[in-house]
Amino acid sequence: MKNVIILGANGHTSQEIIPRLLEQDNLALTLFLRHADRLKGLNSDRVQVIEGDAREPDALRQALLGQDIVISTMGGMDLGDKMETVVTVMEELGVPRLIAISAGGIYDELPEPFNAWDKSMTGYTRPTNLKAAQVIERSSLKYTILRPVWLTNKPIEEFELTRKGETFKGTETSRASIGRFVAKVVTDPALYVNENLGISQPRTDGDRPAAYR
């Protein structure tokens, strides 16, 4: 049985990841979040819900003990600090694999004029997302960092990837495509090891996402 935990499990992106992970019969899933009552209606004997705060090392130690893969969908202005705690505890416990959802734009890799528009809207979040990515890359973990841009609830699983250092493609990322990508890597953890990837939907190029045009 493969043991997988999602940190920040109450978010919209996590809700697209969870059902795709549970398609795998050989997987036991732990959901870690600050308020367990936010998750209701999960009827599976392969799912465990743990209430805790990722800023607290002791809570993380209890949750991460025995896990094979950690998926982080955490956000917030303290993400960089939380990721330092997560990485430290993972290394301490010998948990080998991390899949972390970051954000596009942290390297100014978005094409103009989309980059300028995105920065005007969410640029204040870039420093903490960048710090979190740097913490992960400096670690001894086998990691995959995923950089989506403007998130949609469109039921589209198709995606395209760009590597760190390449110009990002597109202006939108569906949460469904993140769910499918994460499930793919969990199925084969040897995929995309120590890679930092942009993810978006094909044919969404433009100066801003469709909803803002």
N, C-alpha and C. Protein backbone atom coordinates (compact mmCIF):
# COMPACT_ATOMS: atom_id res chain seq x y z
N MET A 1 0.85 -1.20 0.00
CA MET A 1 0.00 0.00 0.00
C MET A 1 0.88 1.24 0.00
N LYS A 2 0.58 2.18 -0.87
CA LYS A 2 1.32 3.43 -0.97
C LYS A 2 0.63 4.46 -0.07
N ASN A 3 1.39 5.10 0.81
CA ASN A 3 0.84 6.07 1.76
C ASN A 3 1.10 7.49 1.27
N VAL A 4 0.03 8.24 1.06
CA VAL A 4 0.12 9.58 0.49
C VAL A 4 -0.63 10.55 1.39
N ILE A 5 -0.06 11.73 1.61
CA ILE A 5 -0.71 12.76 2.42
C ILE A 5 -0.81 14.05 1.62
N ILE A 6 -1.94 14.73 1.75
CA ILE A 6 -2.13 16.05 1.17
C ILE A 6 -2.14 17.08 2.29
N LEU A 7 -1.26 18.07 2.19
CA LEU A 7 -1.22 19.18 3.14
C LEU A 7 -2.02 20.34 2.54
N GLY A 8 -2.94 20.89 3.32
CA GLY A 8 -3.83 21.91 2.80
C GLY A 8 -4.99 21.29 2.06
N ALA A 9 -5.54 20.23 2.63
CA ALA A 9 -6.45 19.35 1.90
C ALA A 9 -7.86 19.89 1.71
N ASN A 10 -8.17 21.07 2.26
CA ASN A 10 -9.52 21.59 2.13
C ASN A 10 -9.69 22.52 0.93
N GLY A 11 -8.62 22.80 0.19
CA GLY A 11 -8.69 23.75 -0.91
C GLY A 11 -9.37 23.17 -2.15
N HIS A 12 -9.73 24.06 -3.07
CA HIS A 12 -10.42 23.63 -4.29
C HIS A 12 -9.54 22.73 -5.15
N THR A 13 -8.25 23.02 -5.20
CA THR A 13 -7.35 22.17 -5.99
C THR A 13 -7.26 20.78 -5.39
N SER A 14 -7.19 20.69 -4.09
CA SER A 14 -7.15 19.38 -3.43
C SER A 14 -8.39 18.56 -3.76
N GLN A 15 -9.53 19.23 -3.90
CA GLN A 15 -10.77 18.50 -4.19
C GLN A 15 -10.75 17.88 -5.58
N GLU A 16 -9.89 18.37 -6.46
CA GLU A 16 -9.71 17.75 -7.77
C GLU A 16 -8.64 16.66 -7.73
N ILE A 17 -7.74 16.76 -6.78
CA ILE A 17 -6.68 15.75 -6.65
C ILE A 17 -7.22 14.49 -5.98
N ILE A 18 -8.01 14.65 -4.92
CA ILE A 18 -8.43 13.52 -4.09
C ILE A 18 -9.12 12.41 -4.89
N PRO A 19 -10.17 12.70 -5.68
CA PRO A 19 -10.84 11.59 -6.37
C PRO A 19 -9.95 10.90 -7.39
N ARG A 20 -9.02 11.62 -7.98
CA ARG A 20 -8.13 11.01 -8.97
C ARG A 20 -7.10 10.11 -8.29
N LEU A 21 -6.70 10.47 -7.09
CA LEU A 21 -5.81 9.58 -6.34
C LEU A 21 -6.54 8.31 -5.93
N LEU A 22 -7.79 8.44 -5.55
CA LEU A 22 -8.54 7.28 -5.06
C LEU A 22 -8.92 6.32 -6.18
N GLU A 23 -8.65 6.69 -7.42
CA GLU A 23 -8.78 5.73 -8.52
C GLU A 23 -7.75 4.61 -8.40
N GLN A 24 -6.69 4.87 -7.63
CA GLN A 24 -5.62 3.89 -7.44
C GLN A 24 -5.96 3.02 -6.23
N ASP A 25 -6.12 1.73 -6.46
CA ASP A 25 -6.55 0.82 -5.39
C ASP A 25 -5.49 0.58 -4.33
N ASN A 26 -4.22 0.78 -4.69
CA ASN A 26 -3.13 0.46 -3.76
C ASN A 26 -2.67 1.67 -2.98
N LEU A 27 -3.57 2.60 -2.69
CA LEU A 27 -3.20 3.88 -2.09
C LEU A 27 -4.03 4.15 -0.85
N ALA A 28 -3.35 4.56 0.23
CA ALA A 28 -4.01 5.03 1.45
C ALA A 28 -3.75 6.53 1.56
N LEU A 29 -4.79 7.31 1.73
CA LEU A 29 -4.70 8.76 1.64
C LEU A 29 -4.97 9.41 3.00
N THR A 30 -4.07 10.31 3.39
CA THR A 30 -4.25 11.12 4.59
C THR A 30 -4.47 12.57 4.18
N LEU A 31 -5.47 13.19 4.75
CA LEU A 31 -5.79 14.59 4.46
C LEU A 31 -5.50 15.42 5.70
N PHE A 32 -4.59 16.38 5.57
CA PHE A 32 -4.12 17.19 6.70
C PHE A 32 -4.60 18.62 6.49
N LEU A 33 -5.33 19.14 7.44
CA LEU A 33 -5.85 20.49 7.35
C LEU A 33 -6.12 21.04 8.74
N ARG A 34 -6.30 22.36 8.80
CA ARG A 34 -6.47 22.98 10.12
C ARG A 34 -7.85 22.76 10.71
N HIS A 35 -8.87 22.63 9.86
CA HIS A 35 -10.24 22.47 10.36
C HIS A 35 -10.86 21.26 9.68
N ALA A 36 -10.86 20.14 10.38
CA ALA A 36 -11.33 18.88 9.80
C ALA A 36 -12.80 18.92 9.42
N ASP A 37 -13.58 19.79 10.06
CA ASP A 37 -15.01 19.83 9.75
C ASP A 37 -15.29 20.41 8.37
N ARG A 38 -14.26 20.94 7.71
CA ARG A 38 -14.45 21.45 6.35
C ARG A 38 -14.53 20.33 5.31
N LEU A 39 -14.09 19.15 5.70
CA LEU A 39 -14.15 18.00 4.79
C LEU A 39 -15.25 17.06 5.24
N LYS A 40 -16.28 16.98 4.45
CA LYS A 40 -17.40 16.11 4.78
C LYS A 40 -17.78 15.28 3.55
N GLY A 41 -18.35 14.13 3.79
CA GLY A 41 -18.85 13.32 2.70
C GLY A 41 -17.81 12.46 2.01
N LEU A 42 -16.65 12.28 2.64
CA LEU A 42 -15.63 11.40 2.07
C LEU A 42 -15.88 9.99 2.57
N ASN A 43 -16.51 9.19 1.77
CA ASN A 43 -16.87 7.84 2.18
C ASN A 43 -15.87 6.84 1.61
N SER A 44 -14.75 6.70 2.28
CA SER A 44 -13.74 5.74 1.85
C SER A 44 -12.97 5.26 3.07
N ASP A 45 -12.79 3.96 3.15
CA ASP A 45 -12.02 3.43 4.27
C ASP A 45 -10.52 3.58 4.03
N ARG A 46 -10.16 4.18 2.89
CA ARG A 46 -8.75 4.44 2.59
C ARG A 46 -8.35 5.89 2.84
N VAL A 47 -9.25 6.65 3.44
CA VAL A 47 -8.99 8.07 3.70
C VAL A 47 -9.00 8.33 5.20
N GLN A 48 -7.96 8.99 5.67
CA GLN A 48 -7.87 9.43 7.07
C GLN A 48 -7.74 10.94 7.09
N VAL A 49 -8.48 11.59 7.94
CA VAL A 49 -8.43 13.05 8.07
C VAL A 49 -7.74 13.40 9.38
N ILE A 50 -6.72 14.26 9.30
CA ILE A 50 -5.98 14.70 10.48
C ILE A 50 -6.06 16.22 10.57
N GLU A 51 -6.46 16.71 11.72
CA GLU A 51 -6.52 18.15 11.96
C GLU A 51 -5.19 18.61 12.55
N GLY A 52 -4.61 19.63 11.95
CA GLY A 52 -3.33 20.12 12.45
C GLY A 52 -2.87 21.34 11.67
N ASP A 53 -1.80 21.94 12.14
CA ASP A 53 -1.25 23.16 11.56
C ASP A 53 0.14 22.86 11.03
N ALA A 54 0.37 23.14 9.76
CA ALA A 54 1.66 22.84 9.13
C ALA A 54 2.79 23.70 9.67
N ARG A 55 2.47 24.70 10.46
CA ARG A 55 3.52 25.52 11.08
C ARG A 55 4.06 24.88 12.35
N GLU A 56 3.41 23.80 12.80
CA GLU A 56 3.80 23.15 14.05
C GLU A 56 4.53 21.83 13.76
N PRO A 57 5.83 21.77 14.02
CA PRO A 57 6.62 20.57 13.70
C PRO A 57 6.07 19.29 14.32
N ASP A 58 5.61 19.34 15.56
CA ASP A 58 5.12 18.12 16.21
C ASP A 58 3.88 17.58 15.50
N ALA A 59 2.99 18.47 15.09
CA ALA A 59 1.80 18.03 14.36
C ALA A 59 2.18 17.41 13.03
N LEU A 60 3.16 18.00 12.37
CA LEU A 60 3.62 17.44 11.10
C LEU A 60 4.29 16.09 11.28
N ARG A 61 5.09 15.96 12.33
CA ARG A 61 5.76 14.67 12.56
C ARG A 61 4.74 13.54 12.70
N GLN A 62 3.71 13.78 13.46
CA GLN A 62 2.69 12.75 13.66
C GLN A 62 1.99 12.42 12.35
N ALA A 63 1.74 13.43 11.53
CA ALA A 63 1.02 13.21 10.28
C ALA A 63 1.89 12.58 9.19
N LEU A 64 3.18 12.93 9.16
CA LEU A 64 4.05 12.49 8.07
C LEU A 64 4.74 11.16 8.34
N LEU A 65 4.69 10.69 9.58
CA LEU A 65 5.35 9.43 9.91
C LEU A 65 4.73 8.29 9.09
N GLY A 66 5.57 7.58 8.35
CA GLY A 66 5.12 6.45 7.56
C GLY A 66 4.59 6.79 6.18
N GLN A 67 4.61 8.07 5.81
CA GLN A 67 4.14 8.46 4.49
C GLN A 67 5.22 8.22 3.44
N ASP A 68 4.79 7.94 2.22
CA ASP A 68 5.70 7.76 1.09
C ASP A 68 5.79 9.01 0.23
N ILE A 69 4.67 9.70 0.08
CA ILE A 69 4.60 10.87 -0.79
C ILE A 69 3.82 11.97 -0.09
N VAL A 70 4.35 13.19 -0.13
CA VAL A 70 3.67 14.37 0.41
C VAL A 70 3.26 15.25 -0.76
N ILE A 71 2.00 15.67 -0.76
CA ILE A 71 1.49 16.61 -1.75
C ILE A 71 1.13 17.89 -1.01
N SER A 72 1.71 19.01 -1.40
CA SER A 72 1.40 20.28 -0.76
C SER A 72 0.58 21.15 -1.70
N THR A 73 -0.63 21.48 -1.26
CA THR A 73 -1.43 22.48 -1.96
C THR A 73 -1.60 23.72 -1.08
N MET A 74 -0.72 23.87 -0.11
CA MET A 74 -0.81 24.98 0.84
C MET A 74 -0.57 26.31 0.13
N GLY A 75 -1.15 27.36 0.69
CA GLY A 75 -0.92 28.71 0.21
C GLY A 75 -0.71 29.64 1.39
N GLY A 76 -0.96 30.92 1.15
CA GLY A 76 -0.85 31.90 2.22
C GLY A 76 0.45 32.67 2.17
N MET A 77 0.45 33.81 2.82
CA MET A 77 1.62 34.68 2.80
C MET A 77 2.77 34.12 3.63
N ASP A 78 2.51 33.09 4.44
CA ASP A 78 3.57 32.45 5.21
C ASP A 78 3.98 31.11 4.59
N LEU A 79 3.68 30.92 3.30
CA LEU A 79 3.98 29.64 2.66
C LEU A 79 5.46 29.29 2.72
N GLY A 80 6.32 30.27 2.51
CA GLY A 80 7.75 29.99 2.56
C GLY A 80 8.19 29.44 3.90
N ASP A 81 7.67 30.03 4.98
CA ASP A 81 8.01 29.55 6.32
C ASP A 81 7.43 28.16 6.57
N LYS A 82 6.19 27.93 6.14
CA LYS A 82 5.58 26.61 6.32
C LYS A 82 6.36 25.55 5.56
N MET A 83 6.83 25.89 4.36
CA MET A 83 7.56 24.91 3.57
C MET A 83 8.90 24.56 4.22
N GLU A 84 9.51 25.51 4.88
CA GLU A 84 10.75 25.20 5.62
C GLU A 84 10.48 24.14 6.68
N THR A 85 9.37 24.27 7.39
CA THR A 85 9.01 23.29 8.42
C THR A 85 8.71 21.94 7.79
N VAL A 86 7.96 21.92 6.70
CA VAL A 86 7.62 20.66 6.02
C VAL A 86 8.87 19.94 5.55
N VAL A 87 9.76 20.66 4.89
CA VAL A 87 10.98 20.04 4.37
C VAL A 87 11.85 19.50 5.51
N THR A 88 11.98 20.27 6.57
CA THR A 88 12.78 19.83 7.72
C THR A 88 12.24 18.53 8.30
N VAL A 89 10.93 18.46 8.49
CA VAL A 89 10.32 17.26 9.08
C VAL A 89 10.41 16.09 8.12
N MET A 90 10.20 16.32 6.83
CA MET A 90 10.34 15.23 5.86
C MET A 90 11.74 14.65 5.87
N GLU A 91 12.74 15.51 5.88
CA GLU A 91 14.13 15.03 5.90
C GLU A 91 14.42 14.28 7.20
N GLU A 92 13.91 14.79 8.29
CA GLU A 92 14.12 14.16 9.59
C GLU A 92 13.53 12.75 9.63
N LEU A 93 12.34 12.59 9.05
CA LEU A 93 11.64 11.30 9.09
C LEU A 93 12.01 10.38 7.93
N GLY A 94 12.72 10.91 6.95
CA GLY A 94 13.08 10.09 5.80
C GLY A 94 11.94 9.89 4.81
N VAL A 95 10.99 10.83 4.79
CA VAL A 95 9.92 10.78 3.79
C VAL A 95 10.50 11.30 2.47
N PRO A 96 10.50 10.49 1.41
CA PRO A 96 11.36 10.81 0.28
C PRO A 96 10.81 11.73 -0.79
N ARG A 97 9.49 11.82 -0.97
CA ARG A 97 8.94 12.40 -2.21
C ARG A 97 7.97 13.52 -1.90
N LEU A 98 8.17 14.65 -2.58
CA LEU A 98 7.32 15.83 -2.40
C LEU A 98 6.82 16.33 -3.75
N ILE A 99 5.52 16.56 -3.83
CA ILE A 99 4.91 17.23 -4.98
C ILE A 99 4.30 18.51 -4.44
N ALA A 100 4.78 19.66 -4.90
CA ALA A 100 4.35 20.94 -4.33
C ALA A 100 3.72 21.82 -5.40
N ILE A 101 2.54 22.34 -5.11
CA ILE A 101 1.87 23.27 -6.01
C ILE A 101 2.33 24.68 -5.65
N SER A 102 2.99 25.33 -6.58
CA SER A 102 3.51 26.68 -6.39
C SER A 102 2.65 27.64 -7.22
N ALA A 103 3.27 28.55 -7.94
CA ALA A 103 2.52 29.51 -8.75
C ALA A 103 3.36 29.98 -9.92
N GLY A 104 2.74 30.13 -11.06
CA GLY A 104 3.42 30.70 -12.20
C GLY A 104 3.76 32.17 -11.96
N GLY A 105 4.84 32.62 -12.57
CA GLY A 105 5.23 34.02 -12.46
C GLY A 105 6.33 34.29 -11.46
N ILE A 106 6.70 33.30 -10.65
CA ILE A 106 7.69 33.58 -9.60
C ILE A 106 9.08 33.85 -10.17
N TYR A 107 9.31 33.46 -11.43
CA TYR A 107 10.59 33.74 -12.08
C TYR A 107 10.43 34.79 -13.19
N ASP A 108 9.30 35.52 -13.19
CA ASP A 108 8.97 36.43 -14.29
C ASP A 108 9.00 35.69 -15.62
N GLU A 109 8.58 34.43 -15.60
CA GLU A 109 8.66 33.59 -16.79
C GLU A 109 7.42 33.67 -17.66
N LEU A 110 6.39 34.40 -17.22
CA LEU A 110 5.19 34.53 -18.03
C LEU A 110 5.46 35.48 -19.19
N PRO A 111 4.89 35.22 -20.36
CA PRO A 111 5.12 36.11 -21.50
C PRO A 111 4.41 37.44 -21.30
N GLU A 112 4.99 38.48 -21.82
CA GLU A 112 4.33 39.79 -21.79
C GLU A 112 3.28 39.85 -22.90
N PRO A 113 2.19 40.58 -22.70
CA PRO A 113 1.87 41.43 -21.54
C PRO A 113 1.19 40.68 -20.39
N PHE A 114 1.02 39.37 -20.53
CA PHE A 114 0.37 38.60 -19.46
C PHE A 114 1.13 38.72 -18.15
N ASN A 115 2.46 38.71 -18.21
CA ASN A 115 3.25 38.78 -16.97
C ASN A 115 2.96 40.06 -16.20
N ALA A 116 2.92 41.19 -16.92
CA ALA A 116 2.66 42.47 -16.26
C ALA A 116 1.25 42.49 -15.65
N TRP A 117 0.28 41.95 -16.37
CA TRP A 117 -1.08 41.90 -15.85
C TRP A 117 -1.15 41.01 -14.61
N ASP A 118 -0.56 39.83 -14.69
CA ASP A 118 -0.57 38.91 -13.55
C ASP A 118 0.11 39.53 -12.34
N LYS A 119 1.22 40.21 -12.58
CA LYS A 119 1.94 40.84 -11.46
C LYS A 119 1.09 41.94 -10.81
N SER A 120 0.33 42.66 -11.62
CA SER A 120 -0.52 43.72 -11.06
C SER A 120 -1.65 43.15 -10.21
N MET A 121 -2.03 41.91 -10.50
CA MET A 121 -3.15 41.28 -9.79
C MET A 121 -2.69 40.49 -8.56
N THR A 122 -1.62 39.72 -8.71
CA THR A 122 -1.21 38.79 -7.63
C THR A 122 0.28 38.86 -7.34
N GLY A 123 0.94 39.91 -7.80
CA GLY A 123 2.39 39.99 -7.61
C GLY A 123 2.83 39.95 -6.17
N TYR A 124 1.96 40.37 -5.26
CA TYR A 124 2.32 40.37 -3.84
C TYR A 124 2.54 38.96 -3.29
N THR A 125 2.03 37.94 -3.97
CA THR A 125 2.22 36.56 -3.51
C THR A 125 3.49 35.92 -4.05
N ARG A 126 4.12 36.57 -5.01
CA ARG A 126 5.28 35.93 -5.66
C ARG A 126 6.45 35.69 -4.71
N PRO A 127 6.80 36.63 -3.83
CA PRO A 127 7.97 36.39 -2.97
C PRO A 127 7.85 35.15 -2.09
N THR A 128 6.70 34.93 -1.46
CA THR A 128 6.59 33.76 -0.57
C THR A 128 6.53 32.46 -1.37
N ASN A 129 5.90 32.49 -2.57
CA ASN A 129 5.92 31.31 -3.42
C ASN A 129 7.33 31.01 -3.91
N LEU A 130 8.09 32.06 -4.22
CA LEU A 130 9.48 31.86 -4.64
C LEU A 130 10.31 31.29 -3.51
N LYS A 131 10.12 31.83 -2.31
CA LYS A 131 10.87 31.31 -1.15
C LYS A 131 10.58 29.83 -0.94
N ALA A 132 9.31 29.44 -1.05
CA ALA A 132 8.95 28.03 -0.86
C ALA A 132 9.64 27.15 -1.89
N ALA A 133 9.67 27.60 -3.14
CA ALA A 133 10.33 26.82 -4.20
C ALA A 133 11.83 26.71 -3.93
N GLN A 134 12.43 27.78 -3.47
CA GLN A 134 13.87 27.75 -3.18
C GLN A 134 14.19 26.81 -2.03
N VAL A 135 13.34 26.80 -1.01
CA VAL A 135 13.51 25.87 0.11
C VAL A 135 13.49 24.43 -0.39
N ILE A 136 12.54 24.12 -1.24
CA ILE A 136 12.41 22.76 -1.77
C ILE A 136 13.63 22.39 -2.60
N GLU A 137 14.06 23.29 -3.47
CA GLU A 137 15.18 22.98 -4.37
C GLU A 137 16.50 22.82 -3.62
N ARG A 138 16.62 23.46 -2.48
CA ARG A 138 17.85 23.31 -1.68
C ARG A 138 17.85 22.03 -0.85
N SER A 139 16.73 21.35 -0.78
CA SER A 139 16.59 20.20 0.10
C SER A 139 17.20 18.95 -0.52
N SER A 140 17.21 17.87 0.26
CA SER A 140 17.68 16.57 -0.22
C SER A 140 16.54 15.72 -0.76
N LEU A 141 15.34 16.28 -0.82
CA LEU A 141 14.16 15.52 -1.22
C LEU A 141 14.12 15.29 -2.73
N LYS A 142 13.40 14.26 -3.12
CA LYS A 142 13.01 14.09 -4.52
C LYS A 142 11.70 14.87 -4.68
N TYR A 143 11.75 15.94 -5.45
CA TYR A 143 10.61 16.86 -5.51
C TYR A 143 10.13 17.06 -6.94
N THR A 144 8.89 17.49 -7.04
CA THR A 144 8.34 18.07 -8.26
C THR A 144 7.60 19.33 -7.86
N ILE A 145 7.99 20.45 -8.43
CA ILE A 145 7.32 21.72 -8.19
C ILE A 145 6.45 22.02 -9.41
N LEU A 146 5.20 22.36 -9.17
CA LEU A 146 4.26 22.62 -10.25
C LEU A 146 3.80 24.07 -10.15
N ARG A 147 3.92 24.80 -11.27
CA ARG A 147 3.59 26.23 -11.30
C ARG A 147 2.38 26.49 -12.21
N PRO A 148 1.18 26.45 -11.67
CA PRO A 148 0.00 26.83 -12.45
C PRO A 148 -0.16 28.35 -12.49
N VAL A 149 -1.01 28.80 -13.40
CA VAL A 149 -1.36 30.22 -13.41
C VAL A 149 -2.82 30.36 -12.96
N TRP A 150 -3.62 31.11 -13.70
CA TRP A 150 -4.98 31.41 -13.22
C TRP A 150 -5.83 30.16 -13.23
N LEU A 151 -6.31 29.78 -12.05
CA LEU A 151 -6.98 28.50 -11.87
C LEU A 151 -8.45 28.59 -12.28
N THR A 152 -8.91 27.54 -12.98
CA THR A 152 -10.30 27.46 -13.38
C THR A 152 -10.90 26.14 -12.89
N ASN A 153 -12.22 26.08 -12.88
CA ASN A 153 -12.93 24.85 -12.54
C ASN A 153 -13.41 24.11 -13.79
N LYS A 154 -12.84 24.42 -14.92
CA LYS A 154 -13.22 23.75 -16.16
C LYS A 154 -12.83 22.27 -16.08
N PRO A 155 -13.68 21.37 -16.56
CA PRO A 155 -13.39 19.93 -16.48
C PRO A 155 -12.44 19.48 -17.58
N ILE A 156 -11.29 20.12 -17.64
CA ILE A 156 -10.31 19.84 -18.69
C ILE A 156 -9.07 19.22 -18.04
N GLU A 157 -8.73 18.01 -18.46
CA GLU A 157 -7.55 17.34 -17.90
C GLU A 157 -6.32 17.50 -18.79
N GLU A 158 -6.51 17.95 -20.01
CA GLU A 158 -5.38 18.16 -20.92
C GLU A 158 -4.50 19.29 -20.38
N PHE A 159 -3.18 19.13 -20.50
CA PHE A 159 -2.27 20.18 -20.04
C PHE A 159 -1.01 20.18 -20.89
N GLU A 160 -0.28 21.29 -20.80
CA GLU A 160 1.06 21.35 -21.38
C GLU A 160 2.01 21.85 -20.31
N LEU A 161 3.26 21.42 -20.41
CA LEU A 161 4.27 21.71 -19.39
C LEU A 161 5.39 22.55 -19.98
N THR A 162 5.95 23.42 -19.16
CA THR A 162 7.18 24.13 -19.50
C THR A 162 8.15 23.96 -18.34
N ARG A 163 9.41 23.87 -18.67
CA ARG A 163 10.42 23.67 -17.64
C ARG A 163 10.97 25.01 -17.13
N LYS A 164 11.58 24.96 -15.97
CA LYS A 164 12.18 26.16 -15.39
C LYS A 164 13.20 26.72 -16.37
N GLY A 165 13.13 28.02 -16.61
CA GLY A 165 14.01 28.66 -17.57
C GLY A 165 13.36 28.87 -18.92
N GLU A 166 12.25 28.18 -19.18
CA GLU A 166 11.51 28.35 -20.42
C GLU A 166 10.38 29.36 -20.22
N THR A 167 9.99 30.03 -21.30
CA THR A 167 8.86 30.94 -21.24
C THR A 167 7.56 30.16 -21.08
N PHE A 168 6.76 30.57 -20.13
CA PHE A 168 5.49 29.91 -19.84
C PHE A 168 4.57 30.00 -21.05
N LYS A 169 3.70 29.00 -21.20
CA LYS A 169 2.69 29.00 -22.26
C LYS A 169 1.30 29.08 -21.63
N GLY A 170 0.43 29.89 -22.21
CA GLY A 170 -0.95 29.93 -21.76
C GLY A 170 -1.19 30.89 -20.61
N THR A 171 -2.47 31.08 -20.29
CA THR A 171 -2.87 31.99 -19.22
C THR A 171 -3.78 31.33 -18.18
N GLU A 172 -4.16 30.06 -18.41
CA GLU A 172 -5.10 29.39 -17.51
C GLU A 172 -4.60 27.99 -17.17
N THR A 173 -4.96 27.54 -15.97
CA THR A 173 -4.69 26.16 -15.54
C THR A 173 -5.95 25.62 -14.87
N SER A 174 -6.48 24.53 -15.37
CA SER A 174 -7.64 23.93 -14.71
C SER A 174 -7.19 23.11 -13.51
N ARG A 175 -7.97 23.18 -12.46
CA ARG A 175 -7.67 22.36 -11.28
C ARG A 175 -7.75 20.87 -11.63
N ALA A 176 -8.62 20.53 -12.57
CA ALA A 176 -8.74 19.13 -13.00
C ALA A 176 -7.44 18.63 -13.60
N SER A 177 -6.75 19.48 -14.36
CA SER A 177 -5.49 19.06 -14.98
C SER A 177 -4.40 18.89 -13.93
N ILE A 178 -4.42 19.73 -12.90
CA ILE A 178 -3.48 19.54 -11.79
C ILE A 178 -3.75 18.20 -11.11
N GLY A 179 -5.02 17.91 -10.89
CA GLY A 179 -5.38 16.63 -10.29
C GLY A 179 -4.88 15.45 -11.09
N ARG A 180 -5.03 15.52 -12.42
CA ARG A 180 -4.58 14.42 -13.27
C ARG A 180 -3.05 14.31 -13.26
N PHE A 181 -2.36 15.46 -13.31
CA PHE A 181 -0.90 15.43 -13.29
C PHE A 181 -0.39 14.83 -11.99
N VAL A 182 -0.94 15.27 -10.87
CA VAL A 182 -0.49 14.76 -9.56
C VAL A 182 -0.74 13.26 -9.47
N ALA A 183 -1.90 12.81 -9.91
CA ALA A 183 -2.20 11.38 -9.87
C ALA A 183 -1.22 10.59 -10.72
N LYS A 184 -0.82 11.14 -11.84
CA LYS A 184 0.15 10.49 -12.71
C LYS A 184 1.49 10.31 -12.01
N VAL A 185 1.93 11.35 -11.31
CA VAL A 185 3.22 11.28 -10.62
C VAL A 185 3.14 10.35 -9.42
N VAL A 186 2.02 10.35 -8.72
CA VAL A 186 1.86 9.43 -7.59
C VAL A 186 1.89 7.98 -8.08
N THR A 187 1.29 7.72 -9.23
CA THR A 187 1.32 6.38 -9.81
C THR A 187 2.74 5.94 -10.10
N ASP A 188 3.56 6.87 -10.63
CA ASP A 188 4.96 6.58 -10.94
C ASP A 188 5.83 7.69 -10.37
N PRO A 189 6.24 7.58 -9.11
CA PRO A 189 7.01 8.65 -8.46
C PRO A 189 8.36 8.94 -9.10
N ALA A 190 8.81 8.09 -10.03
CA ALA A 190 10.07 8.36 -10.72
C ALA A 190 9.91 9.42 -11.81
N LEU A 191 8.67 9.79 -12.11
CA LEU A 191 8.43 10.83 -13.12
C LEU A 191 8.75 12.21 -12.56
N TYR A 192 9.38 13.04 -13.39
CA TYR A 192 9.59 14.46 -13.10
C TYR A 192 10.30 14.70 -11.76
N VAL A 193 11.26 13.85 -11.43
CA VAL A 193 12.01 14.03 -10.19
C VAL A 193 12.93 15.24 -10.31
N ASN A 194 12.88 16.08 -9.29
CA ASN A 194 13.68 17.30 -9.20
C ASN A 194 13.47 18.21 -10.42
N GLU A 195 12.20 18.30 -10.82
CA GLU A 195 11.83 19.20 -11.91
C GLU A 195 10.88 20.26 -11.38
N ASN A 196 10.96 21.43 -12.00
CA ASN A 196 10.18 22.60 -11.64
C ASN A 196 9.42 23.00 -12.91
N LEU A 197 8.11 22.74 -12.92
CA LEU A 197 7.35 22.76 -14.16
C LEU A 197 6.21 23.76 -14.13
N GLY A 198 6.06 24.51 -15.22
CA GLY A 198 4.84 25.28 -15.43
C GLY A 198 3.78 24.38 -16.03
N ILE A 199 2.53 24.56 -15.64
CA ILE A 199 1.43 23.76 -16.17
C ILE A 199 0.29 24.69 -16.57
N SER A 200 -0.27 24.45 -17.76
CA SER A 200 -1.36 25.29 -18.26
C SER A 200 -2.16 24.52 -19.29
N GLN A 201 -3.27 25.12 -19.73
CA GLN A 201 -4.07 24.52 -20.79
C GLN A 201 -3.58 25.01 -22.14
N PRO A 202 -3.47 24.11 -23.10
CA PRO A 202 -3.14 24.54 -24.46
C PRO A 202 -4.21 25.50 -25.00
N ARG A 203 -3.78 26.35 -25.92
CA ARG A 203 -4.69 27.27 -26.62
C ARG A 203 -5.34 28.29 -25.69
N THR A 204 -4.62 28.67 -24.64
CA THR A 204 -5.12 29.75 -23.77
C THR A 204 -4.18 30.94 -23.75
N ASP A 205 -3.36 31.09 -24.79
CA ASP A 205 -2.45 32.23 -24.87
C ASP A 205 -3.25 33.53 -24.95
N GLY A 206 -2.65 34.60 -24.45
CA GLY A 206 -3.29 35.90 -24.51
C GLY A 206 -2.68 36.85 -23.50
N ASP A 207 -3.28 38.03 -23.38
CA ASP A 207 -2.74 39.02 -22.45
C ASP A 207 -3.28 38.84 -21.04
N ARG A 208 -4.32 37.98 -20.90
CA ARG A 208 -4.93 37.69 -19.60
C ARG A 208 -5.87 36.49 -19.77
N PRO A 209 -6.31 35.88 -18.66
CA PRO A 209 -7.24 34.74 -18.79
C PRO A 209 -8.56 35.16 -19.43
N ALA A 210 -9.25 34.19 -20.02
CA ALA A 210 -10.48 34.48 -20.75
C ALA A 210 -11.52 35.19 -19.89
N ALA A 211 -11.61 34.83 -18.62
CA ALA A 211 -12.62 35.42 -17.74
C ALA A 211 -12.40 36.91 -17.50
N TYR A 212 -11.21 37.42 -17.81
CA TYR A 212 -10.89 38.83 -17.56
C TYR A 212 -10.76 39.63 -18.85
N ARG A 213 -11.09 39.02 -19.98
CA ARG A 213 -10.99 39.76 -21.24
C ARG A 213 -12.25 40.54 -21.54
